[in-house]
PDB file of all heavy atoms in Angstrom:
ATOM      1  N   LEU A   1      16.561 -21.596 -18.132  1.00  0.00           N
ATOM      2  CA  LEU A   1      17.649 -21.768 -17.153  1.00  0.00           C
ATOM      3  C   LEU A   1      17.031 -22.446 -15.804  1.00  0.00           C
ATOM      4  O   LEU A   1      17.697 -23.143 -15.230  1.00  0.00           O
ATOM      5  CB  LEU A   1      18.293 -20.419 -16.784  1.00  0.00           C
ATOM      6  CG  LEU A   1      19.137 -19.838 -17.937  1.00  0.00           C
ATOM      7  CD1 LEU A   1      19.559 -18.470 -17.480  1.00  0.00           C
ATOM      8  CD2 LEU A   1      20.285 -20.613 -18.433  1.00  0.00           C
ATOM      9  N   LEU A   2      15.912 -22.028 -15.499  1.00  0.00           N
ATOM     10  CA  LEU A   2      15.172 -22.734 -14.282  1.00  0.00           C
ATOM     11  C   LEU A   2      15.176 -24.237 -14.379  1.00  0.00           C
ATOM     12  O   LEU A   2      15.084 -24.946 -13.395  1.00  0.00           O
ATOM     13  CB  LEU A   2      13.809 -22.136 -14.035  1.00  0.00           C
ATOM     14  CG  LEU A   2      13.812 -20.770 -13.348  1.00  0.00           C
ATOM     15  CD1 LEU A   2      12.316 -20.249 -13.290  1.00  0.00           C
ATOM     16  CD2 LEU A   2      14.300 -20.851 -11.864  1.00  0.00           C
ATOM     17  N   GLN A   3      14.948 -24.651 -15.581  1.00  0.00           N
ATOM     18  CA  GLN A   3      14.792 -26.188 -15.741  1.00  0.00           C
ATOM     19  C   GLN A   3      16.090 -26.859 -15.795  1.00  0.00           C
ATOM     20  O   GLN A   3      16.179 -28.034 -15.798  1.00  0.00           O
ATOM     21  CB  GLN A   3      13.981 -26.448 -17.108  1.00  0.00           C
ATOM     22  CG  GLN A   3      12.862 -25.588 -17.326  1.00  0.00           C
ATOM     23  CD  GLN A   3      11.798 -25.563 -16.205  1.00  0.00           C
ATOM     24  OE1 GLN A   3      11.521 -26.568 -15.632  1.00  0.00           O
ATOM     25  NE2 GLN A   3      11.378 -24.358 -15.793  1.00  0.00           N
ATOM     26  N   GLN A   4      17.185 -26.167 -15.864  1.00  0.00           N
ATOM     27  CA  GLN A   4      18.550 -26.774 -15.964  1.00  0.00           C
ATOM     28  C   GLN A   4      19.090 -26.977 -14.593  1.00  0.00           C
ATOM     29  O   GLN A   4      18.804 -26.312 -13.687  1.00  0.00           O
ATOM     30  CB  GLN A   4      19.380 -25.903 -16.850  1.00  0.00           C
ATOM     31  CG  GLN A   4      18.887 -25.610 -18.277  1.00  0.00           C
ATOM     32  CD  GLN A   4      18.384 -26.752 -18.937  1.00  0.00           C
ATOM     33  OE1 GLN A   4      19.087 -27.657 -19.084  1.00  0.00           O
ATOM     34  NE2 GLN A   4      17.217 -26.629 -19.548  1.00  0.00           N
ATOM     35  N   PRO A   5      20.048 -27.884 -14.527  1.00  0.00           N
ATOM     36  CA  PRO A   5      20.818 -28.236 -13.245  1.00  0.00           C
ATOM     37  C   PRO A   5      21.334 -26.815 -12.706  1.00  0.00           C
ATOM     38  O   PRO A   5      22.038 -26.134 -13.485  1.00  0.00           O
ATOM     39  CB  PRO A   5      21.995 -29.184 -13.650  1.00  0.00           C
ATOM     40  CG  PRO A   5      21.449 -29.852 -14.802  1.00  0.00           C
ATOM     41  CD  PRO A   5      20.622 -28.841 -15.568  1.00  0.00           C
ATOM     42  N   GLY A   6      21.254 -26.553 -11.489  1.00  0.00           N
ATOM     43  CA  GLY A   6      21.662 -25.266 -10.908  1.00  0.00           C
ATOM     44  C   GLY A   6      20.771 -24.093 -11.077  1.00  0.00           C
ATOM     45  O   GLY A   6      21.010 -23.069 -10.481  1.00  0.00           O
ATOM     46  N   GLY A   7      19.661 -24.220 -11.820  1.00  0.00           N
ATOM     47  CA  GLY A   7      18.896 -23.152 -12.113  1.00  0.00           C
ATOM     48  C   GLY A   7      18.098 -22.588 -10.810  1.00  0.00           C
ATOM     49  O   GLY A   7      18.103 -21.410 -10.522  1.00  0.00           O
ATOM     50  N   ARG A   8      17.522 -23.571 -10.122  1.00  0.00           N
ATOM     51  CA  ARG A   8      16.876 -23.126  -8.843  1.00  0.00           C
ATOM     52  C   ARG A   8      17.775 -22.608  -7.773  1.00  0.00           C
ATOM     53  O   ARG A   8      17.522 -21.645  -7.113  1.00  0.00           O
ATOM     54  CB  ARG A   8      16.028 -24.278  -8.245  1.00  0.00           C
ATOM     55  CG  ARG A   8      14.827 -24.651  -9.057  1.00  0.00           C
ATOM     56  CD  ARG A   8      13.662 -23.652  -8.942  1.00  0.00           C
ATOM     57  NE  ARG A   8      12.580 -23.958  -9.920  1.00  0.00           N
ATOM     58  CZ  ARG A   8      11.673 -23.121 -10.073  1.00  0.00           C
ATOM     59  NH1 ARG A   8      11.489 -22.082  -9.260  1.00  0.00           N
ATOM     60  NH2 ARG A   8      10.700 -23.355 -11.042  1.00  0.00           N
ATOM     61  N   GLY A   9      18.951 -23.286  -7.692  1.00  0.00           N
ATOM     62  CA  GLY A   9      20.013 -22.807  -6.841  1.00  0.00           C
ATOM     63  C   GLY A   9      20.549 -21.415  -6.946  1.00  0.00           C
ATOM     64  O   GLY A   9      20.886 -20.683  -6.069  1.00  0.00           O
ATOM     65  N   ALA A  10      20.508 -21.020  -8.324  1.00  0.00           N
ATOM     66  CA  ALA A  10      20.952 -19.697  -8.520  1.00  0.00           C
ATOM     67  C   ALA A  10      20.148 -18.548  -8.070  1.00  0.00           C
ATOM     68  O   ALA A  10      20.558 -17.442  -7.886  1.00  0.00           O
ATOM     69  CB  ALA A  10      21.046 -19.526 -10.178  1.00  0.00           C
ATOM     70  N   LEU A  11      18.806 -18.870  -7.787  1.00  0.00           N
ATOM     71  CA  LEU A  11      17.975 -17.842  -7.321  1.00  0.00           C
ATOM     72  C   LEU A  11      18.265 -17.138  -5.941  1.00  0.00           C
ATOM     73  O   LEU A  11      17.903 -16.125  -5.617  1.00  0.00           O
ATOM     74  CB  LEU A  11      16.441 -18.427  -7.226  1.00  0.00           C
ATOM     75  CG  LEU A  11      15.835 -18.855  -8.497  1.00  0.00           C
ATOM     76  CD1 LEU A  11      14.476 -19.455  -8.294  1.00  0.00           C
ATOM     77  CD2 LEU A  11      15.819 -17.923  -9.610  1.00  0.00           C
ATOM     78  N   SER A  12      18.985 -17.945  -5.146  1.00  0.00           N
ATOM     79  CA  SER A  12      19.277 -17.525  -3.804  1.00  0.00           C
ATOM     80  C   SER A  12      20.750 -16.810  -3.688  1.00  0.00           C
ATOM     81  O   SER A  12      21.185 -16.569  -2.623  1.00  0.00           O
ATOM     82  CB  SER A  12      19.151 -18.616  -2.779  1.00  0.00           C
ATOM     83  OG  SER A  12      19.986 -19.788  -3.188  1.00  0.00           O
ATOM     84  N   ILE A  13      21.433 -16.825  -4.803  1.00  0.00           N
ATOM     85  CA  ILE A  13      22.867 -16.341  -4.880  1.00  0.00           C
ATOM     86  C   ILE A  13      22.904 -14.855  -4.963  1.00  0.00           C
ATOM     87  O   ILE A  13      22.248 -14.320  -5.876  1.00  0.00           O
ATOM     88  CB  ILE A  13      23.584 -17.099  -5.891  1.00  0.00           C
ATOM     89  CG1 ILE A  13      23.812 -18.552  -5.604  1.00  0.00           C
ATOM     90  CG2 ILE A  13      25.087 -16.413  -6.164  1.00  0.00           C
ATOM     91  CD1 ILE A  13      24.570 -19.210  -6.529  1.00  0.00           C
ATOM     92  N   HIS A  14      23.617 -14.161  -4.151  1.00  0.00           N
ATOM     93  CA  HIS A  14      23.730 -12.664  -4.130  1.00  0.00           C
ATOM     94  C   HIS A  14      24.982 -12.311  -5.085  1.00  0.00           C
ATOM     95  O   HIS A  14      25.989 -13.108  -5.081  1.00  0.00           O
ATOM     96  CB  HIS A  14      23.980 -12.150  -2.829  1.00  0.00           C
ATOM     97  CG  HIS A  14      22.840 -12.255  -1.810  1.00  0.00           C
ATOM     98  ND1 HIS A  14      22.569 -13.498  -1.281  1.00  0.00           N
ATOM     99  CD2 HIS A  14      21.908 -11.388  -1.397  1.00  0.00           C
ATOM    100  CE1 HIS A  14      21.473 -13.366  -0.371  1.00  0.00           C
ATOM    101  NE2 HIS A  14      21.104 -12.121  -0.549  1.00  0.00           N
ATOM    102  N   ASN A  15      24.862 -11.305  -5.864  1.00  0.00           N
ATOM    103  CA  ASN A  15      25.958 -10.779  -6.560  1.00  0.00           C
ATOM    104  C   ASN A  15      26.730  -9.778  -5.688  1.00  0.00           C
ATOM    105  O   ASN A  15      26.457  -9.552  -4.493  1.00  0.00           O
ATOM    106  CB  ASN A  15      25.636 -10.103  -7.815  1.00  0.00           C
ATOM    107  CG  ASN A  15      24.697  -8.996  -7.754  1.00  0.00           C
ATOM    108  OD1 ASN A  15      24.539  -8.364  -6.679  1.00  0.00           O
ATOM    109  ND2 ASN A  15      24.221  -8.510  -8.880  1.00  0.00           N
ATOM    110  N   ASN A  16      27.746  -9.146  -6.186  1.00  0.00           N
ATOM    111  CA  ASN A  16      28.565  -8.224  -5.328  1.00  0.00           C
ATOM    112  C   ASN A  16      27.884  -7.057  -4.803  1.00  0.00           C
ATOM    113  O   ASN A  16      28.235  -6.386  -3.920  1.00  0.00           O
ATOM    114  CB  ASN A  16      29.790  -7.766  -6.122  1.00  0.00           C
ATOM    115  CG  ASN A  16      30.862  -8.940  -6.454  1.00  0.00           C
ATOM    116  OD1 ASN A  16      30.969  -9.724  -5.552  1.00  0.00           O
ATOM    117  ND2 ASN A  16      31.521  -8.951  -7.548  1.00  0.00           N
ATOM    118  N   GLU A  17      26.753  -6.626  -5.497  1.00  0.00           N
ATOM    119  CA  GLU A  17      25.908  -5.674  -4.963  1.00  0.00           C
ATOM    120  C   GLU A  17      24.817  -6.056  -3.906  1.00  0.00           C
ATOM    121  O   GLU A  17      23.999  -5.315  -3.511  1.00  0.00           O
ATOM    122  CB  GLU A  17      25.140  -4.908  -6.032  1.00  0.00           C
ATOM    123  CG  GLU A  17      26.075  -4.003  -6.901  1.00  0.00           C
ATOM    124  CD  GLU A  17      26.799  -4.770  -7.946  1.00  0.00           C
ATOM    125  OE1 GLU A  17      26.212  -5.680  -8.586  1.00  0.00           O
ATOM    126  OE2 GLU A  17      27.917  -4.501  -8.181  1.00  0.00           O
ATOM    127  N   GLY A  18      24.832  -7.454  -3.691  1.00  0.00           N
ATOM    128  CA  GLY A  18      23.832  -7.958  -2.630  1.00  0.00           C
ATOM    129  C   GLY A  18      22.546  -8.369  -3.303  1.00  0.00           C
ATOM    130  O   GLY A  18      21.650  -8.654  -2.584  1.00  0.00           O
ATOM    131  N   ALA A  19      22.392  -8.384  -4.650  1.00  0.00           N
ATOM    132  CA  ALA A  19      21.139  -8.596  -5.297  1.00  0.00           C
ATOM    133  C   ALA A  19      21.099 -10.145  -5.656  1.00  0.00           C
ATOM    134  O   ALA A  19      22.069 -10.721  -6.207  1.00  0.00           O
ATOM    135  CB  ALA A  19      20.934  -7.698  -6.457  1.00  0.00           C
ATOM    136  N   THR A  20      19.907 -10.755  -5.475  1.00  0.00           N
ATOM    137  CA  THR A  20      19.705 -12.013  -5.950  1.00  0.00           C
ATOM    138  C   THR A  20      18.701 -11.926  -7.192  1.00  0.00           C
ATOM    139  O   THR A  20      18.176 -10.751  -7.515  1.00  0.00           O
ATOM    140  CB  THR A  20      18.719 -12.947  -4.999  1.00  0.00           C
ATOM    141  OG1 THR A  20      17.508 -12.247  -4.830  1.00  0.00           O
ATOM    142  CG2 THR A  20      19.470 -12.960  -3.666  1.00  0.00           C
ATOM    143  N   PRO A  21      18.603 -12.902  -8.104  1.00  0.00           N
ATOM    144  CA  PRO A  21      17.815 -12.668  -9.288  1.00  0.00           C
ATOM    145  C   PRO A  21      16.460 -12.325  -8.884  1.00  0.00           C
ATOM    146  O   PRO A  21      15.766 -11.551  -9.552  1.00  0.00           O
ATOM    147  CB  PRO A  21      17.862 -14.121  -9.891  1.00  0.00           C
ATOM    148  CG  PRO A  21      19.207 -14.590  -9.619  1.00  0.00           C
ATOM    149  CD  PRO A  21      19.487 -14.050  -8.117  1.00  0.00           C
ATOM    150  N   VAL A  22      15.982 -12.874  -7.857  1.00  0.00           N
ATOM    151  CA  VAL A  22      14.479 -12.538  -7.345  1.00  0.00           C
ATOM    152  C   VAL A  22      14.449 -11.065  -6.968  1.00  0.00           C
ATOM    153  O   VAL A  22      13.475 -10.375  -7.397  1.00  0.00           O
ATOM    154  CB  VAL A  22      14.144 -13.484  -6.151  1.00  0.00           C
ATOM    155  CG1 VAL A  22      12.725 -13.013  -5.665  1.00  0.00           C
ATOM    156  CG2 VAL A  22      14.173 -14.873  -6.545  1.00  0.00           C
ATOM    157  N   SER A  23      15.433 -10.578  -6.157  1.00  0.00           N
ATOM    158  CA  SER A  23      15.327  -9.237  -5.794  1.00  0.00           C
ATOM    159  C   SER A  23      15.487  -8.238  -7.039  1.00  0.00           C
ATOM    160  O   SER A  23      14.956  -7.128  -6.973  1.00  0.00           O
ATOM    161  CB  SER A  23      16.380  -8.832  -4.654  1.00  0.00           C
ATOM    162  OG  SER A  23      17.675  -8.901  -5.147  1.00  0.00           O
ATOM    163  N   LEU A  24      16.358  -8.705  -7.920  1.00  0.00           N
ATOM    164  CA  LEU A  24      16.486  -7.821  -9.188  1.00  0.00           C
ATOM    165  C   LEU A  24      15.148  -7.687  -9.898  1.00  0.00           C
ATOM    166  O   LEU A  24      14.930  -6.587 -10.376  1.00  0.00           O
ATOM    167  CB  LEU A  24      17.446  -8.558 -10.176  1.00  0.00           C
ATOM    168  CG  LEU A  24      18.983  -8.055 -10.063  1.00  0.00           C
ATOM    169  CD1 LEU A  24      19.772  -8.875 -11.044  1.00  0.00           C
ATOM    170  CD2 LEU A  24      19.080  -6.553 -10.279  1.00  0.00           C
ATOM    171  N   ALA A  25      14.435  -8.791 -10.123  1.00  0.00           N
ATOM    172  CA  ALA A  25      13.125  -8.760 -10.758  1.00  0.00           C
ATOM    173  C   ALA A  25      12.112  -7.815 -10.017  1.00  0.00           C
ATOM    174  O   ALA A  25      11.410  -7.050 -10.695  1.00  0.00           O
ATOM    175  CB  ALA A  25      12.515 -10.225 -10.888  1.00  0.00           C
ATOM    176  N   LEU A  26      12.238  -7.860  -8.683  1.00  0.00           N
ATOM    177  CA  LEU A  26      11.291  -6.982  -7.865  1.00  0.00           C
ATOM    178  C   LEU A  26      11.717  -5.538  -8.018  1.00  0.00           C
ATOM    179  O   LEU A  26      10.915  -4.721  -8.327  1.00  0.00           O
ATOM    180  CB  LEU A  26      11.291  -7.429  -6.510  1.00  0.00           C
ATOM    181  CG  LEU A  26      10.242  -6.941  -5.520  1.00  0.00           C
ATOM    182  CD1 LEU A  26       8.923  -7.460  -6.032  1.00  0.00           C
ATOM    183  CD2 LEU A  26      10.469  -7.471  -4.118  1.00  0.00           C
ATOM    184  N   GLU A  27      12.877  -5.323  -7.961  1.00  0.00           N
ATOM    185  CA  GLU A  27      13.545  -3.968  -8.159  1.00  0.00           C
ATOM    186  C   GLU A  27      13.190  -3.387  -9.337  1.00  0.00           C
ATOM    187  O   GLU A  27      12.959  -2.132  -9.489  1.00  0.00           O
ATOM    188  CB  GLU A  27      14.984  -4.030  -7.748  1.00  0.00           C
ATOM    189  CG  GLU A  27      15.799  -2.708  -8.011  1.00  0.00           C
ATOM    190  CD  GLU A  27      17.348  -3.016  -8.135  1.00  0.00           C
ATOM    191  OE1 GLU A  27      17.854  -3.821  -7.345  1.00  0.00           O
ATOM    192  OE2 GLU A  27      17.934  -2.342  -8.974  1.00  0.00           O
ATOM    193  N   ARG A  28      13.288  -4.030 -10.456  1.00  0.00           N
ATOM    194  CA  ARG A  28      13.032  -3.538 -11.744  1.00  0.00           C
ATOM    195  C   ARG A  28      11.588  -3.493 -12.139  1.00  0.00           C
ATOM    196  O   ARG A  28      11.262  -3.118 -13.334  1.00  0.00           O
ATOM    197  CB  ARG A  28      13.884  -4.377 -12.746  1.00  0.00           C
ATOM    198  CG  ARG A  28      15.354  -4.422 -12.428  1.00  0.00           C
ATOM    199  CD  ARG A  28      16.219  -4.165 -13.583  1.00  0.00           C
ATOM    200  NE  ARG A  28      17.539  -3.837 -13.065  1.00  0.00           N
ATOM    201  CZ  ARG A  28      18.623  -3.444 -13.868  1.00  0.00           C
ATOM    202  NH1 ARG A  28      18.384  -3.612 -15.181  1.00  0.00           N
ATOM    203  NH2 ARG A  28      19.818  -3.211 -13.342  1.00  0.00           N
ATOM    204  N   GLY A  29      10.731  -4.007 -11.379  1.00  0.00           N
ATOM    205  CA  GLY A  29       9.253  -3.979 -11.691  1.00  0.00           C
ATOM    206  C   GLY A  29       8.879  -5.019 -12.703  1.00  0.00           C
ATOM    207  O   GLY A  29       7.915  -4.904 -13.369  1.00  0.00           O
ATOM    208  N   TYR A  30       9.710  -6.129 -12.824  1.00  0.00           N
ATOM    209  CA  TYR A  30       9.333  -7.128 -13.807  1.00  0.00           C
ATOM    210  C   TYR A  30       8.408  -8.029 -13.090  1.00  0.00           C
ATOM    211  O   TYR A  30       8.757  -9.153 -12.504  1.00  0.00           O
ATOM    212  CB  TYR A  30      10.642  -7.901 -14.307  1.00  0.00           C
ATOM    213  CG  TYR A  30      11.593  -7.088 -15.009  1.00  0.00           C
ATOM    214  CD1 TYR A  30      13.005  -7.371 -15.012  1.00  0.00           C
ATOM    215  CD2 TYR A  30      11.167  -6.065 -15.880  1.00  0.00           C
ATOM    216  CE1 TYR A  30      13.950  -6.635 -15.702  1.00  0.00           C
ATOM    217  CE2 TYR A  30      12.089  -5.342 -16.675  1.00  0.00           C
ATOM    218  CZ  TYR A  30      13.519  -5.684 -16.500  1.00  0.00           C
ATOM    219  OH  TYR A  30      14.397  -4.877 -17.240  1.00  0.00           O
ATOM    220  N   GLN A  31       7.142  -7.748 -13.051  1.00  0.00           N
ATOM    221  CA  GLN A  31       6.147  -8.610 -12.353  1.00  0.00           C
ATOM    222  C   GLN A  31       5.986  -9.972 -12.745  1.00  0.00           C
ATOM    223  O   GLN A  31       6.032 -10.933 -11.987  1.00  0.00           O
ATOM    224  CB  GLN A  31       4.841  -7.842 -12.506  1.00  0.00           C
ATOM    225  CG  GLN A  31       3.712  -8.506 -11.490  1.00  0.00           C
ATOM    226  CD  GLN A  31       2.367  -7.613 -11.577  1.00  0.00           C
ATOM    227  OE1 GLN A  31       2.309  -6.659 -12.211  1.00  0.00           O
ATOM    228  NE2 GLN A  31       1.453  -8.227 -10.864  1.00  0.00           N
ATOM    229  N   LYS A  32       5.873 -10.145 -14.066  1.00  0.00           N
ATOM    230  CA  LYS A  32       5.672 -11.552 -14.674  1.00  0.00           C
ATOM    231  C   LYS A  32       6.978 -12.416 -14.305  1.00  0.00           C
ATOM    232  O   LYS A  32       6.791 -13.572 -14.024  1.00  0.00           O
ATOM    233  CB  LYS A  32       5.506 -11.548 -16.229  1.00  0.00           C
ATOM    234  CG  LYS A  32       4.061 -11.002 -16.672  1.00  0.00           C
ATOM    235  CD  LYS A  32       4.005 -11.171 -18.117  1.00  0.00           C
ATOM    236  CE  LYS A  32       2.618 -10.797 -18.558  1.00  0.00           C
ATOM    237  NZ  LYS A  32       2.495 -10.805 -20.096  1.00  0.00           N
ATOM    238  N   LEU A  33       8.129 -11.743 -14.369  1.00  0.00           N
ATOM    239  CA  LEU A  33       9.372 -12.446 -14.150  1.00  0.00           C
ATOM    240  C   LEU A  33       9.454 -12.808 -12.608  1.00  0.00           C
ATOM    241  O   LEU A  33       9.891 -14.001 -12.288  1.00  0.00           O
ATOM    242  CB  LEU A  33      10.597 -11.568 -14.531  1.00  0.00           C
ATOM    243  CG  LEU A  33      11.966 -12.141 -14.808  1.00  0.00           C
ATOM    244  CD1 LEU A  33      11.830 -13.381 -15.554  1.00  0.00           C
ATOM    245  CD2 LEU A  33      12.837 -11.186 -15.359  1.00  0.00           C
ATOM    246  N   HIS A  34       9.070 -11.933 -11.902  1.00  0.00           N
ATOM    247  CA  HIS A  34       9.056 -12.211 -10.345  1.00  0.00           C
ATOM    248  C   HIS A  34       8.106 -13.345 -10.047  1.00  0.00           C
ATOM    249  O   HIS A  34       8.470 -14.200  -9.202  1.00  0.00           O
ATOM    250  CB  HIS A  34       8.588 -10.916  -9.603  1.00  0.00           C
ATOM    251  CG  HIS A  34       8.778 -11.067  -8.021  1.00  0.00           C
ATOM    252  ND1 HIS A  34       7.768 -11.331  -7.283  1.00  0.00           N
ATOM    253  CD2 HIS A  34       9.927 -10.981  -7.336  1.00  0.00           C
ATOM    254  CE1 HIS A  34       8.280 -11.448  -6.023  1.00  0.00           C
ATOM    255  NE2 HIS A  34       9.492 -11.231  -6.012  1.00  0.00           N
TER     256      HIS A  34
END
């Protein structure tokens, strides 16, 4: 998804709980993903 149009832009978008994909990875302890 990162390689597709809009992939990088999606990283800074918050969902209704205020989480971005980056903060979700950190919160869940997905180190490689982060």
